[in-house]
Amino acid sequence: MRIAAATVVALGAIVGMVASVIHVRSDESDVGRLRFAATSPAPAPLGEFDQTRVSVGSQCLRVLVALSPTQREQGLREVHSLAPYAGMLFVNPHDTSARYTMADTPTPLDITFFGESGVAVDRVRMAPCPLGSDATCPQYASKLPYRYALEQPTGSSSATGNLGSCA
């Protein structure tokens, strides 16, 4: 009888530990992922993207969001004006070293790369390449892996500081 009771207690303890580990792991699933304001569809002509607000430093910016691989590839190609948006935020599911080109992009842009926690890791100025292709235009990359990239018109002072949610 004692052996059966000890077995039940031991099994209960193991089940409890497994349940605790599963709970902790599920809580860790969002670690390092920034939470932004809810997104909503952007109006035409940029309706294939969502829009949201993010903070960079002390500024709250209205930005387009490129979440899917197709959206990240399209980016700001053939976009002549970002108004009323301050830029486009590229969100990657994992850290990446993906490169950017300005193929079919008529407007000079600055791109700021942010790590998983929203800390800026690099910034690059990109020149237009409106008549080129991904194969013929220069490639731009961050010196360090990044999770988020924010493209803004060249000279935008709002790309200084860390990336986060607007308060």
C-alpha atoms as a PDB file:
ATOM      1  CA  MET A   1       0.000   0.000   0.000  1.00  0.00           C
ATOM      2  CA  ARG A   2       2.824   2.378   0.834  1.00  0.00           C
ATOM      3  CA  ILE A   3       4.507   1.702  -2.516  1.00  0.00           C
ATOM      4  CA  ALA A   4       1.271   2.461  -4.389  1.00  0.00           C
ATOM      5  CA  ALA A   5       0.784   5.700  -2.430  1.00  0.00           C
ATOM      6  CA  ALA A   6       4.404   6.740  -3.054  1.00  0.00           C
ATOM      7  CA  THR A   7       3.995   5.975  -6.746  1.00  0.00           C
ATOM      8  CA  VAL A   8       0.841   8.121  -6.928  1.00  0.00           C
ATOM      9  CA  VAL A   9       2.594  10.994  -5.114  1.00  0.00           C
ATOM     10  CA  ALA A  10       5.650  10.731  -7.390  1.00  0.00           C
ATOM     11  CA  LEU A  11       3.498  10.662 -10.531  1.00  0.00           C
ATOM     12  CA  GLY A  12       1.549  13.669  -9.249  1.00  0.00           C
ATOM     13  CA  ALA A  13       4.794  15.554  -8.668  1.00  0.00           C
ATOM     14  CA  ILE A  14       6.050  14.717 -12.174  1.00  0.00           C
ATOM     15  CA  VAL A  15       2.748  15.804 -13.740  1.00  0.00           C
ATOM     16  CA  GLY A  16       2.918  19.047 -11.749  1.00  0.00           C
ATOM     17  CA  MET A  17       6.482  19.756 -12.890  1.00  0.00           C
ATOM     18  CA  VAL A  18       5.608  19.048 -16.536  1.00  0.00           C
ATOM     19  CA  ALA A  19       2.585  21.342 -16.289  1.00  0.00           C
ATOM     20  CA  SER A  20       4.779  24.088 -14.776  1.00  0.00           C
ATOM     21  CA  VAL A  21       7.373  23.768 -17.556  1.00  0.00           C
ATOM     22  CA  ILE A  22       4.660  23.878 -20.233  1.00  0.00           C
ATOM     23  CA  HIS A  23       3.168  26.997 -18.605  1.00  0.00           C
ATOM     24  CA  VAL A  24       6.567  28.716 -18.409  1.00  0.00           C
ATOM     25  CA  ARG A  25       7.385  27.785 -22.023  1.00  0.00           C
ATOM     26  CA  SER A  26       4.051  29.167 -23.252  1.00  0.00           C
ATOM     27  CA  ASP A  27       4.708  32.402 -21.358  1.00  0.00           C
ATOM     28  CA  GLU A  28       8.137  32.629 -23.020  1.00  0.00           C
ATOM     29  CA  SER A  29       6.705  32.386 -26.531  1.00  0.00           C
ATOM     30  CA  ASP A  30       6.324  36.165 -26.747  1.00  0.00           C
ATOM     31  CA  VAL A  31       9.647  37.057 -25.125  1.00  0.00           C
ATOM     32  CA  GLY A  32      11.547  39.476 -27.307  1.00  0.00           C
ATOM     33  CA  ARG A  33       8.600  40.181 -29.555  1.00  0.00           C
ATOM     34  CA  LEU A  34       7.518  43.774 -29.451  1.00  0.00           C
ATOM     35  CA  ARG A  35       3.840  44.446 -29.051  1.00  0.00           C
ATOM     36  CA  PHE A  36       2.547  47.202 -31.275  1.00  0.00           C
ATOM     37  CA  ALA A  37      -0.845  48.833 -31.475  1.00  0.00           C
ATOM     38  CA  ALA A  38      -3.457  46.834 -33.344  1.00  0.00           C
ATOM     39  CA  THR A  39      -3.096  46.952 -37.085  1.00  0.00           C
ATOM     40  CA  SER A  40      -5.830  47.833 -39.540  1.00  0.00           C
ATOM     41  CA  PRO A  41      -5.911  47.692 -43.340  1.00  0.00           C
ATOM     42  CA  ALA A  42      -4.348  50.707 -45.031  1.00  0.00           C
ATOM     43  CA  PRO A  43      -6.543  52.532 -47.551  1.00  0.00           C
ATOM     44  CA  ALA A  44      -5.797  52.460 -51.295  1.00  0.00           C
ATOM     45  CA  PRO A  45      -3.397  52.758 -52.997  1.00  0.00           C
ATOM     46  CA  LEU A  46      -1.436  50.902 -50.277  1.00  0.00           C
ATOM     47  CA  GLY A  47      -4.291  48.590 -49.307  1.00  0.00           C
ATOM     48  CA  GLU A  48      -2.184  45.429 -49.530  1.00  0.00           C
ATOM     49  CA  PHE A  49      -0.491  46.522 -46.271  1.00  0.00           C
ATOM     50  CA  ASP A  50      -1.734  47.087 -42.747  1.00  0.00           C
ATOM     51  CA  GLN A  51      -1.084  50.251 -40.770  1.00  0.00           C
ATOM     52  CA  THR A  52      -0.254  50.818 -37.109  1.00  0.00           C
ATOM     53  CA  ARG A  53       1.474  53.240 -34.760  1.00  0.00           C
ATOM     54  CA  VAL A  54       4.912  52.635 -33.284  1.00  0.00           C
ATOM     55  CA  SER A  55       7.229  54.706 -31.170  1.00  0.00           C
ATOM     56  CA  VAL A  56      10.782  55.466 -32.159  1.00  0.00           C
ATOM     57  CA  GLY A  57      12.504  57.261 -29.355  1.00  0.00           C
ATOM     58  CA  SER A  58       9.918  59.728 -28.041  1.00  0.00           C
ATOM     59  CA  GLN A  59       7.928  60.019 -31.279  1.00  0.00           C
ATOM     60  CA  CYS A  60       4.756  58.098 -32.130  1.00  0.00           C
ATOM     61  CA  LEU A  61       4.695  57.317 -35.858  1.00  0.00           C
ATOM     62  CA  ARG A  62       1.944  56.092 -38.172  1.00  0.00           C
ATOM     63  CA  VAL A  63       3.529  53.415 -40.377  1.00  0.00           C
ATOM     64  CA  LEU A  64       2.666  50.807 -42.962  1.00  0.00           C
ATOM     65  CA  VAL A  65       3.441  47.237 -41.876  1.00  0.00           C
ATOM     66  CA  ALA A  66       5.012  44.541 -44.062  1.00  0.00           C
ATOM     67  CA  LEU A  67       4.425  41.224 -42.278  1.00  0.00           C
ATOM     68  CA  SER A  68       4.287  38.538 -44.960  1.00  0.00           C
ATOM     69  CA  PRO A  69       7.188  37.506 -47.214  1.00  0.00           C
ATOM     70  CA  THR A  70       5.288  38.935 -50.211  1.00  0.00           C
ATOM     71  CA  GLN A  71       4.736  42.268 -48.454  1.00  0.00           C
ATOM     72  CA  ARG A  72       8.374  42.439 -47.340  1.00  0.00           C
ATOM     73  CA  GLU A  73       9.513  41.780 -50.923  1.00  0.00           C
ATOM     74  CA  GLN A  74       7.152  44.441 -52.342  1.00  0.00           C
ATOM     75  CA  GLY A  75       8.051  47.069 -49.762  1.00  0.00           C
ATOM     76  CA  LEU A  76       7.956  50.592 -51.141  1.00  0.00           C
ATOM     77  CA  ARG A  77       8.560  49.687 -54.773  1.00  0.00           C
ATOM     78  CA  GLU A  78       6.855  52.170 -57.113  1.00  0.00           C
ATOM     79  CA  VAL A  79       5.691  54.311 -54.161  1.00  0.00           C
ATOM     80  CA  HIS A  80       6.218  58.017 -54.899  1.00  0.00           C
ATOM     81  CA  SER A  81       4.761  59.377 -51.661  1.00  0.00           C
ATOM     82  CA  LEU A  82       4.376  57.815 -48.243  1.00  0.00           C
ATOM     83  CA  ALA A  83       1.946  60.479 -46.996  1.00  0.00           C
ATOM     84  CA  PRO A  84       0.230  60.206 -44.550  1.00  0.00           C
ATOM     85  CA  TYR A  85       2.684  57.586 -43.243  1.00  0.00           C
ATOM     86  CA  ALA A  86       6.069  58.208 -41.631  1.00  0.00           C
ATOM     87  CA  GLY A  87       7.499  55.001 -43.096  1.00  0.00           C
ATOM     88  CA  MET A  88       7.163  51.251 -43.513  1.00  0.00           C
ATOM     89  CA  LEU A  89       7.963  48.756 -40.766  1.00  0.00           C
ATOM     90  CA  PHE A  90       9.209  45.347 -41.934  1.00  0.00           C
ATOM     91  CA  VAL A  91       8.485  42.688 -39.304  1.00  0.00           C
ATOM     92  CA  ASN A  92      10.382  39.404 -39.487  1.00  0.00           C
ATOM     93  CA  PRO A  93       9.350  36.319 -37.497  1.00  0.00           C
ATOM     94  CA  HIS A  94      12.988  35.652 -36.517  1.00  0.00           C
ATOM     95  CA  ASP A  95      16.280  37.503 -36.524  1.00  0.00           C
ATOM     96  CA  THR A  96      17.543  37.842 -40.071  1.00  0.00           C
ATOM     97  CA  SER A  97      20.343  39.241 -42.171  1.00  0.00           C
ATOM     98  CA  ALA A  98      18.097  39.792 -45.224  1.00  0.00           C
ATOM     99  CA  ARG A  99      19.297  42.490 -47.606  1.00  0.00           C
ATOM    100  CA  TYR A 100      17.272  45.249 -49.220  1.00  0.00           C
ATOM    101  CA  THR A 101      17.429  46.785 -52.682  1.00  0.00           C
ATOM    102  CA  MET A 102      15.858  49.942 -54.009  1.00  0.00           C
ATOM    103  CA  ALA A 103      14.737  48.289 -57.274  1.00  0.00           C
ATOM    104  CA  ASP A 104      11.739  50.146 -58.723  1.00  0.00           C
ATOM    105  CA  THR A 105      11.918  52.559 -55.776  1.00  0.00           C
ATOM    106  CA  PRO A 106      11.960  56.227 -56.825  1.00  0.00           C
ATOM    107  CA  THR A 107      12.399  57.842 -53.389  1.00  0.00           C
ATOM    108  CA  PRO A 108      15.638  57.931 -51.354  1.00  0.00           C
ATOM    109  CA  LEU A 109      15.144  56.128 -48.047  1.00  0.00           C
ATOM    110  CA  ASP A 110      16.905  55.620 -44.739  1.00  0.00           C
ATOM    111  CA  ILE A 111      16.506  52.208 -43.151  1.00  0.00           C
ATOM    112  CA  THR A 112      16.978  51.606 -39.443  1.00  0.00           C
ATOM    113  CA  PHE A 113      17.430  48.031 -38.266  1.00  0.00           C
ATOM    114  CA  PHE A 114      16.213  46.989 -34.805  1.00  0.00           C
ATOM    115  CA  GLY A 115      17.001  43.883 -32.817  1.00  0.00           C
ATOM    116  CA  GLU A 116      14.487  41.574 -31.199  1.00  0.00           C
ATOM    117  CA  SER A 117      14.100  43.858 -28.162  1.00  0.00           C
ATOM    118  CA  GLY A 118      13.629  47.019 -30.263  1.00  0.00           C
ATOM    119  CA  VAL A 119      17.163  48.397 -29.820  1.00  0.00           C
ATOM    120  CA  ALA A 120      18.544  50.015 -32.977  1.00  0.00           C
ATOM    121  CA  VAL A 121      21.476  47.977 -34.332  1.00  0.00           C
ATOM    122  CA  ASP A 122      22.278  49.820 -37.584  1.00  0.00           C
ATOM    123  CA  ARG A 123      21.128  52.516 -39.985  1.00  0.00           C
ATOM    124  CA  VAL A 124      21.807  52.840 -43.711  1.00  0.00           C
ATOM    125  CA  ARG A 125      20.985  55.485 -46.348  1.00  0.00           C
ATOM    126  CA  MET A 126      19.646  53.916 -49.565  1.00  0.00           C
ATOM    127  CA  ALA A 127      19.743  55.548 -53.006  1.00  0.00           C
ATOM    128  CA  PRO A 128      16.863  55.182 -55.480  1.00  0.00           C
ATOM    129  CA  CYS A 129      17.200  52.618 -58.263  1.00  0.00           C
ATOM    130  CA  PRO A 130      13.934  53.229 -60.132  1.00  0.00           C
ATOM    131  CA  LEU A 131      14.918  51.517 -63.382  1.00  0.00           C
ATOM    132  CA  GLY A 132      16.877  48.610 -61.930  1.00  0.00           C
ATOM    133  CA  SER A 133      16.080  45.132 -60.703  1.00  0.00           C
ATOM    134  CA  ASP A 134      17.015  43.195 -57.571  1.00  0.00           C
ATOM    135  CA  ALA A 135      19.923  41.749 -59.581  1.00  0.00           C
ATOM    136  CA  THR A 136      21.270  45.100 -60.827  1.00  0.00           C
ATOM    137  CA  CYS A 137      20.619  47.493 -57.918  1.00  0.00           C
ATOM    138  CA  PRO A 138      22.931  47.804 -54.891  1.00  0.00           C
ATOM    139  CA  GLN A 139      22.074  45.684 -51.854  1.00  0.00           C
ATOM    140  CA  TYR A 140      21.845  47.206 -48.395  1.00  0.00           C
ATOM    141  CA  ALA A 141      22.315  45.217 -45.196  1.00  0.00           C
ATOM    142  CA  SER A 142      22.596  45.648 -41.466  1.00  0.00           C
ATOM    143  CA  LYS A 143      25.961  44.962 -39.843  1.00  0.00           C
ATOM    144  CA  LEU A 144      24.134  42.847 -37.242  1.00  0.00           C
ATOM    145  CA  PRO A 145      21.146  40.488 -37.397  1.00  0.00           C
ATOM    146  CA  TYR A 146      17.848  42.287 -36.881  1.00  0.00           C
ATOM    147  CA  ARG A 147      14.146  41.536 -36.361  1.00  0.00           C
ATOM    148  CA  TYR A 148      12.551  44.815 -37.511  1.00  0.00           C
ATOM    149  CA  ALA A 149      13.492  47.333 -40.198  1.00  0.00           C
ATOM    150  CA  LEU A 150      11.961  50.792 -40.569  1.00  0.00           C
ATOM    151  CA  GLU A 151      12.223  52.553 -43.932  1.00  0.00           C
ATOM    152  CA  GLN A 152      11.625  56.305 -43.930  1.00  0.00           C
ATOM    153  CA  PRO A 153      12.266  59.146 -46.356  1.00  0.00           C
ATOM    154  CA  THR A 154      15.921  60.195 -46.262  1.00  0.00           C
ATOM    155  CA  GLY A 155      16.693  62.655 -43.504  1.00  0.00           C
ATOM    156  CA  SER A 156      13.818  61.662 -41.226  1.00  0.00           C
ATOM    157  CA  SER A 157      14.996  62.501 -37.754  1.00  0.00           C
ATOM    158  CA  SER A 158      12.395  60.245 -36.163  1.00  0.00           C
ATOM    159  CA  ALA A 159      14.414  57.072 -36.766  1.00  0.00           C
ATOM    160  CA  THR A 160      16.657  57.696 -33.769  1.00  0.00           C
ATOM    161  CA  GLY A 161      15.971  55.787 -30.604  1.00  0.00           C
ATOM    162  CA  ASN A 162      14.523  52.418 -29.776  1.00  0.00           C
ATOM    163  CA  LEU A 163      11.449  50.877 -31.370  1.00  0.00           C
ATOM    164  CA  GLY A 164       8.364  50.217 -29.269  1.00  0.00           C
ATOM    165  CA  SER A 165       4.670  50.696 -28.827  1.00  0.00           C
ATOM    166  CA  CYS A 166       3.094  54.154 -28.594  1.00  0.00           C
ATOM    167  CA  ALA A 167       1.922  54.875 -25.060  1.00  0.00           C
END
